[in-house]
Amino acid sequence: MADINVERRGPRIWPWIIGLIILVLLIWIITVVVDTREEPTSETIEVITEPVAPAAETPVTRPDSGQQE
């Protein structure tokens, strides 16, 4: 009878790679579906087109400035 040399091969890597790709895709799909951030729309953005007048300059006096009356 002929001898048949049967050797066990090492673990295959392809099932692990395919499994990791599927896992990454599932996580990505879940994050897209569950995304709770509110995207800005034209209704939520308010643009001011009028120039704003500068604040009037008023002198500031301190009551404790050391001035004698």
Protein backbone atom coordinates (compact mmCIF):
# COMPACT_ATOMS: atom_id res chain seq x y z
CA MET A 1 0.00 0.00 0.00
CA ALA A 2 1.20 3.56 -0.69
CA ASP A 3 1.91 5.86 2.14
CA ILE A 4 -0.04 9.10 1.96
CA ASN A 5 1.53 11.88 3.92
CA VAL A 6 -1.31 13.85 5.50
CA GLU A 7 -0.19 17.03 7.18
CA ARG A 8 -2.47 19.44 8.90
CA ARG A 9 -2.17 22.94 7.47
CA GLY A 10 -1.99 26.02 9.62
CA PRO A 11 -5.09 28.06 10.29
CA ARG A 12 -6.52 29.72 7.24
CA ILE A 13 -6.50 33.52 7.29
CA TRP A 14 -9.21 34.23 4.70
CA PRO A 15 -12.20 33.53 6.97
CA TRP A 16 -10.75 35.95 9.53
CA ILE A 17 -10.19 38.67 6.94
CA ILE A 18 -13.70 38.29 5.52
CA GLY A 19 -15.16 38.26 9.04
CA LEU A 20 -13.30 41.47 9.97
CA ILE A 21 -14.50 43.20 6.78
CA ILE A 22 -18.09 42.21 7.53
CA LEU A 23 -17.72 43.40 11.14
CA VAL A 24 -16.34 46.79 10.04
CA LEU A 25 -19.18 47.19 7.52
CA LEU A 26 -21.79 46.37 10.18
CA ILE A 27 -20.30 48.89 12.62
CA TRP A 28 -20.23 51.55 9.90
CA ILE A 29 -23.87 50.89 8.93
CA ILE A 30 -24.97 51.06 12.58
CA THR A 31 -23.19 54.38 13.12
CA VAL A 32 -24.84 55.86 10.02
CA VAL A 33 -28.31 54.70 11.07
CA VAL A 34 -27.98 55.78 14.72
CA ASP A 35 -26.32 59.13 13.96
CA THR A 36 -28.06 61.70 16.19
CA ARG A 37 -26.15 64.78 15.13
CA GLU A 38 -28.35 67.45 13.63
CA GLU A 39 -27.17 68.51 10.23
CA PRO A 40 -27.41 72.26 9.60
CA THR A 41 -30.09 73.23 7.14
CA SER A 42 -31.01 76.53 5.59
CA GLU A 43 -33.73 76.90 8.23
CA THR A 44 -31.32 76.67 11.15
CA ILE A 45 -28.65 79.01 9.79
CA GLU A 46 -29.27 82.70 10.33
CA VAL A 47 -27.11 85.09 8.36
CA ILE A 48 -26.90 88.73 9.38
CA THR A 49 -26.58 90.87 6.30
CA GLU A 50 -26.98 94.33 7.89
CA PRO A 51 -23.90 96.02 9.30
CA VAL A 52 -23.92 96.33 13.06
CA ALA A 53 -23.36 99.81 14.50
CA PRO A 54 -20.43 100.04 16.89
CA ALA A 55 -21.25 100.43 20.54
CA ALA A 56 -21.27 103.99 21.84
CA GLU A 57 -18.17 104.82 23.81
CA THR A 58 -19.03 105.96 27.30
CA PRO A 59 -16.42 106.95 29.83
CA VAL A 60 -16.10 104.55 32.69
CA THR A 61 -15.61 106.08 36.11
CA ARG A 62 -14.85 104.15 39.20
CA PRO A 63 -16.22 105.24 42.53
CA ASP A 64 -12.96 104.30 44.23
CA SER A 65 -10.66 106.06 41.78
CA GLY A 66 -9.14 108.19 44.56
CA GLN A 67 -10.59 111.49 43.40
CA GLN A 68 -11.40 113.95 46.15
CA GLU A 69 -14.58 115.91 46.02
